[in-house]
C-alpha atoms as a PDB file:
ATOM      1  CA  MET A   1     -34.684 132.896 -10.655  1.00  0.00           C
ATOM      2  CA  GLU A   2     -37.772 131.568  -8.878  1.00  0.00           C
ATOM      3  CA  ARG A   3     -37.248 131.056  -5.158  1.00  0.00           C
ATOM      4  CA  THR A   4     -38.318 128.170  -2.948  1.00  0.00           C
ATOM      5  CA  ALA A   5     -42.050 128.117  -2.389  1.00  0.00           C
ATOM      6  CA  LYS A   6     -43.704 128.290   1.007  1.00  0.00           C
ATOM      7  CA  VAL A   7     -47.312 128.160   2.137  1.00  0.00           C
ATOM      8  CA  SER A   8     -48.883 131.590   1.853  1.00  0.00           C
ATOM      9  CA  LEU A   9     -50.439 132.936   5.057  1.00  0.00           C
ATOM     10  CA  ASP A  10     -52.679 135.316   3.121  1.00  0.00           C
ATOM     11  CA  PHE A  11     -55.692 133.279   4.250  1.00  0.00           C
ATOM     12  CA  ILE A  12     -55.437 135.017   7.634  1.00  0.00           C
ATOM     13  CA  THR A  13     -56.603 138.246   5.930  1.00  0.00           C
ATOM     14  CA  LEU A  14     -59.805 136.665   4.593  1.00  0.00           C
ATOM     15  CA  ASN A  15     -63.120 137.579   6.182  1.00  0.00           C
ATOM     16  CA  PRO A  16     -64.862 134.915   8.336  1.00  0.00           C
ATOM     17  CA  THR A  17     -67.169 133.774   5.521  1.00  0.00           C
ATOM     18  CA  GLN A  18     -64.234 133.377   3.118  1.00  0.00           C
ATOM     19  CA  LYS A  19     -62.270 131.503   5.796  1.00  0.00           C
ATOM     20  CA  GLY A  20     -65.060 128.935   6.034  1.00  0.00           C
ATOM     21  CA  VAL A  21     -64.886 128.302   2.274  1.00  0.00           C
ATOM     22  CA  PHE A  22     -61.087 128.182   2.350  1.00  0.00           C
ATOM     23  CA  GLY A  23     -61.178 125.749   5.261  1.00  0.00           C
ATOM     24  CA  ASP A  24     -63.580 123.440   3.417  1.00  0.00           C
ATOM     25  CA  ASN A  25     -61.137 123.316   0.518  1.00  0.00           C
ATOM     26  CA  VAL A  26     -58.079 122.571   2.681  1.00  0.00           C
ATOM     27  CA  ILE A  27     -59.917 119.781   4.511  1.00  0.00           C
ATOM     28  CA  ALA A  28     -61.186 118.269   1.241  1.00  0.00           C
ATOM     29  CA  GLU A  29     -57.774 118.362  -0.453  1.00  0.00           C
ATOM     30  CA  MET A  30     -55.857 116.926   2.499  1.00  0.00           C
ATOM     31  CA  THR A  31     -58.500 114.222   2.887  1.00  0.00           C
ATOM     32  CA  ASP A  32     -58.048 113.359  -0.800  1.00  0.00           C
ATOM     33  CA  HIS A  33     -54.252 113.032  -0.366  1.00  0.00           C
ATOM     34  CA  PRO A  34     -53.713 110.910   2.775  1.00  0.00           C
ATOM     35  CA  THR A  35     -50.461 109.433   1.483  1.00  0.00           C
ATOM     36  CA  VAL A  36     -49.022 112.918   0.946  1.00  0.00           C
ATOM     37  CA  PHE A  37     -50.187 114.215   4.347  1.00  0.00           C
ATOM     38  CA  PRO A  38     -50.309 111.077   6.547  1.00  0.00           C
ATOM     39  CA  THR A  39     -49.985 112.642  10.015  1.00  0.00           C
ATOM     40  CA  PRO A  40     -51.156 116.276  10.092  1.00  0.00           C
ATOM     41  CA  ASP A  41     -50.102 118.298  13.117  1.00  0.00           C
ATOM     42  CA  VAL A  42     -53.770 119.214  13.529  1.00  0.00           C
ATOM     43  CA  PRO A  43     -56.021 116.189  12.881  1.00  0.00           C
ATOM     44  CA  LEU A  44     -58.484 116.809  10.064  1.00  0.00           C
ATOM     45  CA  THR A  45     -61.364 115.985  12.391  1.00  0.00           C
ATOM     46  CA  GLU A  46     -60.273 118.880  14.619  1.00  0.00           C
ATOM     47  CA  LEU A  47     -59.900 121.218  11.635  1.00  0.00           C
ATOM     48  CA  THR A  48     -63.395 120.243  10.504  1.00  0.00           C
ATOM     49  CA  THR A  49     -64.875 120.967  13.934  1.00  0.00           C
ATOM     50  CA  VAL A  50     -63.213 124.389  14.125  1.00  0.00           C
ATOM     51  CA  ASN A  51     -64.160 125.257  10.551  1.00  0.00           C
ATOM     52  CA  ASP A  52     -67.801 124.223  11.006  1.00  0.00           C
ATOM     53  CA  ASP A  53     -67.970 126.206  14.242  1.00  0.00           C
ATOM     54  CA  LEU A  54     -66.672 129.351  12.530  1.00  0.00           C
ATOM     55  CA  LYS A  55     -69.229 128.991   9.721  1.00  0.00           C
ATOM     56  CA  LEU A  56     -72.050 128.555  12.260  1.00  0.00           C
ATOM     57  CA  LYS A  57     -70.937 131.471  14.454  1.00  0.00           C
ATOM     58  CA  THR A  58     -70.471 133.688  11.380  1.00  0.00           C
ATOM     59  CA  GLN A  59     -74.043 132.957  10.286  1.00  0.00           C
ATOM     60  CA  GLN A  60     -75.391 133.655  13.772  1.00  0.00           C
ATOM     61  CA  ALA A  61     -73.451 136.953  13.967  1.00  0.00           C
ATOM     62  CA  LEU A  62     -75.422 138.268  10.983  1.00  0.00           C
ATOM     63  CA  SER A  63     -78.183 139.061  13.475  1.00  0.00           C
ATOM     64  CA  GLY A  64     -76.041 141.935  14.740  1.00  0.00           C
ATOM     65  CA  ASP A  65     -76.272 140.713  18.325  1.00  0.00           C
ATOM     66  CA  LYS A  66     -73.107 141.793  20.166  1.00  0.00           C
ATOM     67  CA  GLU A  67     -72.752 138.512  22.043  1.00  0.00           C
ATOM     68  CA  ARG A  68     -73.009 136.544  18.785  1.00  0.00           C
ATOM     69  CA  ILE A  69     -70.371 138.778  17.198  1.00  0.00           C
ATOM     70  CA  LEU A  70     -67.999 138.175  20.120  1.00  0.00           C
ATOM     71  CA  GLU A  71     -68.562 134.428  19.789  1.00  0.00           C
ATOM     72  CA  ARG A  72     -67.723 134.645  16.093  1.00  0.00           C
ATOM     73  CA  ASP A  73     -64.557 136.602  16.842  1.00  0.00           C
ATOM     74  CA  GLU A  74     -63.434 133.957  19.341  1.00  0.00           C
ATOM     75  CA  ALA A  75     -64.166 131.193  16.846  1.00  0.00           C
ATOM     76  CA  GLU A  76     -62.159 133.061  14.227  1.00  0.00           C
ATOM     77  CA  LYS A  77     -59.133 133.357  16.532  1.00  0.00           C
ATOM     78  CA  LYS A  78     -59.165 129.616  17.132  1.00  0.00           C
ATOM     79  CA  TRP A  79     -59.553 129.007  13.382  1.00  0.00           C
ATOM     80  CA  ASP A  80     -56.570 131.258  12.637  1.00  0.00           C
ATOM     81  CA  ASP A  81     -54.412 129.445  15.180  1.00  0.00           C
ATOM     82  CA  LEU A  82     -55.151 125.910  13.954  1.00  0.00           C
ATOM     83  CA  PHE A  83     -55.011 126.643  10.224  1.00  0.00           C
ATOM     84  CA  ARG A  84     -51.701 128.473  10.723  1.00  0.00           C
ATOM     85  CA  LYS A  85     -50.329 125.417  12.559  1.00  0.00           C
ATOM     86  CA  GLU A  86     -51.489 123.146   9.740  1.00  0.00           C
ATOM     87  CA  ALA A  87     -49.827 125.459   7.222  1.00  0.00           C
ATOM     88  CA  GLN A  88     -46.524 124.936   9.042  1.00  0.00           C
ATOM     89  CA  TYR A  89     -47.009 121.172   8.746  1.00  0.00           C
ATOM     90  CA  VAL A  90     -47.677 121.450   5.004  1.00  0.00           C
ATOM     91  CA  ASP A  91     -44.539 123.583   4.659  1.00  0.00           C
ATOM     92  CA  ARG A  92     -42.447 120.814   6.212  1.00  0.00           C
ATOM     93  CA  ILE A  93     -43.965 118.113   4.017  1.00  0.00           C
ATOM     94  CA  ALA A  94     -43.753 120.175   0.814  1.00  0.00           C
ATOM     95  CA  ASP A  95     -40.152 121.279   1.350  1.00  0.00           C
ATOM     96  CA  GLY A  96     -40.522 123.943  -1.330  1.00  0.00           C
ATOM     97  CA  ASN A  97     -42.594 121.836  -3.773  1.00  0.00           C
ATOM     98  CA  LYS A  98     -45.476 123.940  -5.140  1.00  0.00           C
ATOM     99  CA  LEU A  99     -47.454 120.944  -6.362  1.00  0.00           C
ATOM    100  CA  VAL A 100     -47.467 119.398  -2.892  1.00  0.00           C
ATOM    101  CA  ILE A 101     -48.692 122.707  -1.461  1.00  0.00           C
ATOM    102  CA  ALA A 102     -51.448 122.778  -4.086  1.00  0.00           C
ATOM    103  CA  GLN A 103     -52.460 119.248  -3.051  1.00  0.00           C
ATOM    104  CA  SER A 104     -53.058 120.554   0.480  1.00  0.00           C
ATOM    105  CA  GLY A 105     -55.564 123.216  -0.560  1.00  0.00           C
ATOM    106  CA  TYR A 106     -53.258 125.970   0.714  1.00  0.00           C
ATOM    107  CA  HIS A 107     -51.692 128.472  -1.671  1.00  0.00           C
ATOM    108  CA  SER A 108     -47.990 128.831  -2.312  1.00  0.00           C
ATOM    109  CA  THR A 109     -45.887 131.970  -2.306  1.00  0.00           C
ATOM    110  CA  SER A 110     -42.256 133.030  -2.403  1.00  0.00           C
ATOM    111  CA  THR A 111     -40.335 136.232  -1.823  1.00  0.00           C
ATOM    112  CA  GLU A 112     -41.130 137.252  -5.415  1.00  0.00           C
ATOM    113  CA  VAL A 113     -43.852 139.904  -5.779  1.00  0.00           C
ATOM    114  CA  HIS A 114     -45.790 137.654  -8.181  1.00  0.00           C
ATOM    115  CA  PRO A 115     -45.629 133.983  -9.099  1.00  0.00           C
ATOM    116  CA  ALA A 116     -42.845 133.409 -11.618  1.00  0.00           C
ATOM    117  CA  GLU A 117     -45.129 131.648 -14.082  1.00  0.00           C
ATOM    118  CA  LYS A 118     -48.775 131.310 -15.008  1.00  0.00           C
ATOM    119  CA  PRO A 119     -50.457 128.022 -14.047  1.00  0.00           C
ATOM    120  CA  GLY A 120     -50.141 125.128 -16.459  1.00  0.00           C
ATOM    121  CA  GLN A 121     -53.015 123.562 -18.353  1.00  0.00           C
ATOM    122  CA  ALA A 122     -55.767 122.191 -16.129  1.00  0.00           C
ATOM    123  CA  ASP A 123     -56.228 118.404 -16.342  1.00  0.00           C
ATOM    124  CA  LEU A 124     -60.027 118.117 -16.350  1.00  0.00           C
ATOM    125  CA  ASP A 125     -62.483 115.264 -15.897  1.00  0.00           C
ATOM    126  CA  ALA A 126     -66.286 115.529 -15.895  1.00  0.00           C
ATOM    127  CA  TRP A 127     -69.334 113.264 -15.782  1.00  0.00           C
ATOM    128  CA  GLY A 128     -73.058 113.264 -15.129  1.00  0.00           C
ATOM    129  CA  ASN A 129     -74.185 112.992 -11.520  1.00  0.00           C
ATOM    130  CA  LYS A 130     -77.094 110.854 -10.356  1.00  0.00           C
ATOM    131  CA  GLY A 131     -79.193 113.942  -9.776  1.00  0.00           C
ATOM    132  CA  LYS A 132     -81.244 115.331 -12.660  1.00  0.00           C
ATOM    133  CA  GLY A 133     -79.526 118.199 -14.474  1.00  0.00           C
ATOM    134  CA  SER A 134     -76.285 117.809 -12.495  1.00  0.00           C
ATOM    135  CA  ILE A 135     -72.739 117.451 -13.868  1.00  0.00           C
ATOM    136  CA  HIS A 136     -69.615 116.979 -11.763  1.00  0.00           C
ATOM    137  CA  ALA A 137     -66.292 118.503 -12.887  1.00  0.00           C
ATOM    138  CA  GLU A 138     -62.864 118.380 -11.302  1.00  0.00           C
ATOM    139  CA  ILE A 139     -59.223 119.021 -12.124  1.00  0.00           C
ATOM    140  CA  LYS A 140     -56.104 117.363 -10.780  1.00  0.00           C
ATOM    141  CA  PRO A 141     -53.976 119.412  -8.327  1.00  0.00           C
ATOM    142  CA  LEU A 142     -52.368 122.298 -10.197  1.00  0.00           C
ATOM    143  CA  ALA A 143     -49.277 124.154  -8.990  1.00  0.00           C
ATOM    144  CA  LYS A 144     -49.111 127.967  -8.951  1.00  0.00           C
ATOM    145  CA  VAL A 145     -52.904 128.311  -9.105  1.00  0.00           C
ATOM    146  CA  ARG A 146     -54.799 130.915  -7.055  1.00  0.00           C
ATOM    147  CA  GLY A 147     -58.249 130.221  -8.465  1.00  0.00           C
ATOM    148  CA  ILE A 148     -60.079 128.082 -11.007  1.00  0.00           C
ATOM    149  CA  VAL A 149     -62.839 128.883 -13.497  1.00  0.00           C
ATOM    150  CA  PHE A 150     -65.162 126.032 -14.487  1.00  0.00           C
ATOM    151  CA  VAL A 151     -67.496 126.481 -17.453  1.00  0.00           C
ATOM    152  CA  ALA A 152     -70.454 124.436 -18.713  1.00  0.00           C
ATOM    153  CA  SER A 153     -71.713 125.584 -22.115  1.00  0.00           C
ATOM    154  CA  PRO A 154     -74.467 124.102 -24.324  1.00  0.00           C
ATOM    155  CA  SER A 155     -72.428 125.178 -27.355  1.00  0.00           C
ATOM    156  CA  PRO A 156     -68.886 124.044 -28.286  1.00  0.00           C
ATOM    157  CA  ILE A 157     -65.897 125.811 -26.720  1.00  0.00           C
ATOM    158  CA  ASP A 158     -62.586 126.307 -28.508  1.00  0.00           C
ATOM    159  CA  SER A 159     -59.254 127.072 -26.867  1.00  0.00           C
ATOM    160  CA  SER A 160     -59.470 130.799 -27.650  1.00  0.00           C
ATOM    161  CA  SER A 161     -63.015 131.256 -26.364  1.00  0.00           C
ATOM    162  CA  LEU A 162     -62.313 132.009 -22.711  1.00  0.00           C
ATOM    163  CA  SER A 163     -59.974 134.353 -20.898  1.00  0.00           C
ATOM    164  CA  LEU A 164     -59.899 136.113 -17.560  1.00  0.00           C
ATOM    165  CA  LYS A 165     -59.146 139.784 -16.972  1.00  0.00           C
ATOM    166  CA  ASN A 166     -59.374 141.605 -13.651  1.00  0.00           C
ATOM    167  CA  GLY A 167     -61.371 138.710 -12.242  1.00  0.00           C
ATOM    168  CA  GLN A 168     -63.955 138.876 -15.033  1.00  0.00           C
ATOM    169  CA  LEU A 169     -64.516 136.064 -17.516  1.00  0.00           C
ATOM    170  CA  ARG A 170     -64.253 137.235 -21.112  1.00  0.00           C
ATOM    171  CA  ILE A 171     -66.153 135.208 -23.693  1.00  0.00           C
ATOM    172  CA  GLY A 172     -65.016 134.973 -27.299  1.00  0.00           C
ATOM    173  CA  LYS A 173     -66.930 134.063 -30.425  1.00  0.00           C
ATOM    174  CA  GLY A 174     -66.570 130.354 -29.718  1.00  0.00           C
ATOM    175  CA  VAL A 175     -69.257 130.389 -27.028  1.00  0.00           C
ATOM    176  CA  ALA A 176     -72.940 131.084 -27.564  1.00  0.00           C
ATOM    177  CA  GLY A 177     -76.160 130.555 -25.655  1.00  0.00           C
ATOM    178  CA  ASP A 178     -76.638 130.034 -21.940  1.00  0.00           C
ATOM    179  CA  MET A 179     -73.468 129.226 -20.043  1.00  0.00           C
ATOM    180  CA  GLU A 180     -72.827 128.293 -16.424  1.00  0.00           C
ATOM    181  CA  VAL A 181     -69.635 129.634 -14.815  1.00  0.00           C
ATOM    182  CA  ILE A 182     -68.171 128.757 -11.401  1.00  0.00           C
ATOM    183  CA  LEU A 183     -65.158 130.717 -10.102  1.00  0.00           C
ATOM    184  CA  THR A 184     -63.678 128.997  -7.056  1.00  0.00           C
ATOM    185  CA  THR A 185     -60.573 127.969  -5.136  1.00  0.00           C
ATOM    186  CA  LYS A 186     -61.832 124.375  -5.099  1.00  0.00           C
ATOM    187  CA  ARG A 187     -60.837 121.886  -7.774  1.00  0.00           C
ATOM    188  CA  LYS A 188     -64.116 119.944  -7.616  1.00  0.00           C
ATOM    189  CA  VAL A 189     -67.508 121.467  -8.443  1.00  0.00           C
ATOM    190  CA  ASP A 190     -71.047 120.398  -9.320  1.00  0.00           C
ATOM    191  CA  PHE A 191     -73.129 122.206 -11.927  1.00  0.00           C
ATOM    192  CA  GLN A 192     -76.786 122.090 -10.887  1.00  0.00           C
ATOM    193  CA  GLY A 193     -80.042 122.941 -12.657  1.00  0.00           C
ATOM    194  CA  LEU A 194     -78.812 122.093 -16.155  1.00  0.00           C
ATOM    195  CA  VAL A 195     -81.247 121.050 -18.881  1.00  0.00           C
ATOM    196  CA  SER A 196     -81.664 117.288 -18.723  1.00  0.00           C
ATOM    197  CA  GLY A 197     -80.758 115.515 -21.949  1.00  0.00           C
ATOM    198  CA  THR A 198     -78.687 118.433 -23.227  1.00  0.00           C
ATOM    199  CA  THR A 199     -75.023 118.003 -24.133  1.00  0.00           C
ATOM    200  CA  TYR A 200     -72.818 120.423 -22.211  1.00  0.00           C
ATOM    201  CA  TYR A 201     -69.221 121.264 -23.030  1.00  0.00           C
ATOM    202  CA  ILE A 202     -67.157 121.444 -19.837  1.00  0.00           C
ATOM    203  CA  ALA A 203     -63.857 123.323 -19.560  1.00  0.00           C
ATOM    204  CA  ALA A 204     -61.612 124.711 -16.827  1.00  0.00           C
ATOM    205  CA  LEU A 205     -58.669 127.086 -16.504  1.00  0.00           C
ATOM    206  CA  GLY A 206     -56.475 128.140 -13.603  1.00  0.00           C
ATOM    207  CA  PHE A 207     -55.180 131.636 -12.876  1.00  0.00           C
ATOM    208  CA  ASN A 208     -52.860 133.537 -10.558  1.00  0.00           C
ATOM    209  CA  ALA A 209     -51.354 137.021 -10.297  1.00  0.00           C
ATOM    210  CA  SER A 210     -49.229 136.418 -13.397  1.00  0.00           C
ATOM    211  CA  GLY A 211     -52.139 135.500 -15.648  1.00  0.00           C
ATOM    212  CA  VAL A 212     -54.377 132.716 -16.883  1.00  0.00           C
ATOM    213  CA  GLY A 213     -53.231 129.187 -17.690  1.00  0.00           C
ATOM    214  CA  ASP A 214     -54.161 127.308 -20.840  1.00  0.00           C
ATOM    215  CA  ILE A 215     -57.753 126.127 -21.073  1.00  0.00           C
ATOM    216  CA  SER A 216     -58.230 122.433 -20.387  1.00  0.00           C
ATOM    217  CA  THR A 217     -59.288 119.860 -22.922  1.00  0.00           C
ATOM    218  CA  VAL A 218     -63.038 120.372 -23.453  1.00  0.00           C
ATOM    219  CA  ILE A 219     -65.206 117.418 -22.366  1.00  0.00           C
ATOM    220  CA  ASP A 220     -68.767 116.939 -23.593  1.00  0.00           C
ATOM    221  CA  VAL A 221     -71.232 115.457 -21.108  1.00  0.00           C
ATOM    222  CA  VAL A 222     -74.976 114.822 -21.448  1.00  0.00           C
ATOM    223  CA  ALA A 223     -76.803 116.193 -18.413  1.00  0.00           C
ATOM    224  CA  PRO A 224     -78.799 113.410 -16.713  1.00  0.00           C
END
């Protein structure tokens, strides 16, 4: 039997660059769900400041300068502390509900070695952006998901065309020609540099340690 879900603290093991990306996602998701998370223990403005500081210090540390590296390490410690505190807040609000945890941008876990089930089918929406050759795609919050694959293909996609194995996208006979793929923890992405005036078929699927969820309904969008 599946046990009550809690917020996973695996994000503490990410490297500083990955933490910056993870932090962006948490801030975006909690901002998008103010009625679910009305009074965070750590205000989102404070999380944003700490996250932006870590990203800046991580970039500066690439120079190899010892002082810059120490500054990055201090910024990372502060990041760890505040994002761990916010995870505790999300745990209280979620009260074991995996979907609520997913709406926060954090990941859920339990005492099971792997999630009990694969993610469900992604609920996708997509449309052309104002920018030339740009299409926006997003899915609704999806429980049990650890990552999301978004695909934009100039040829039709059928439900058996795409699968994921060992982190690699496998393409079946239903996809041909140039294809754009974005693998991310975020549920909102923008495809850039597409051929203007071309119809693209947009799809998404979620995955976790137990496998890959069903591919979303495919949406066709003409690139602006």
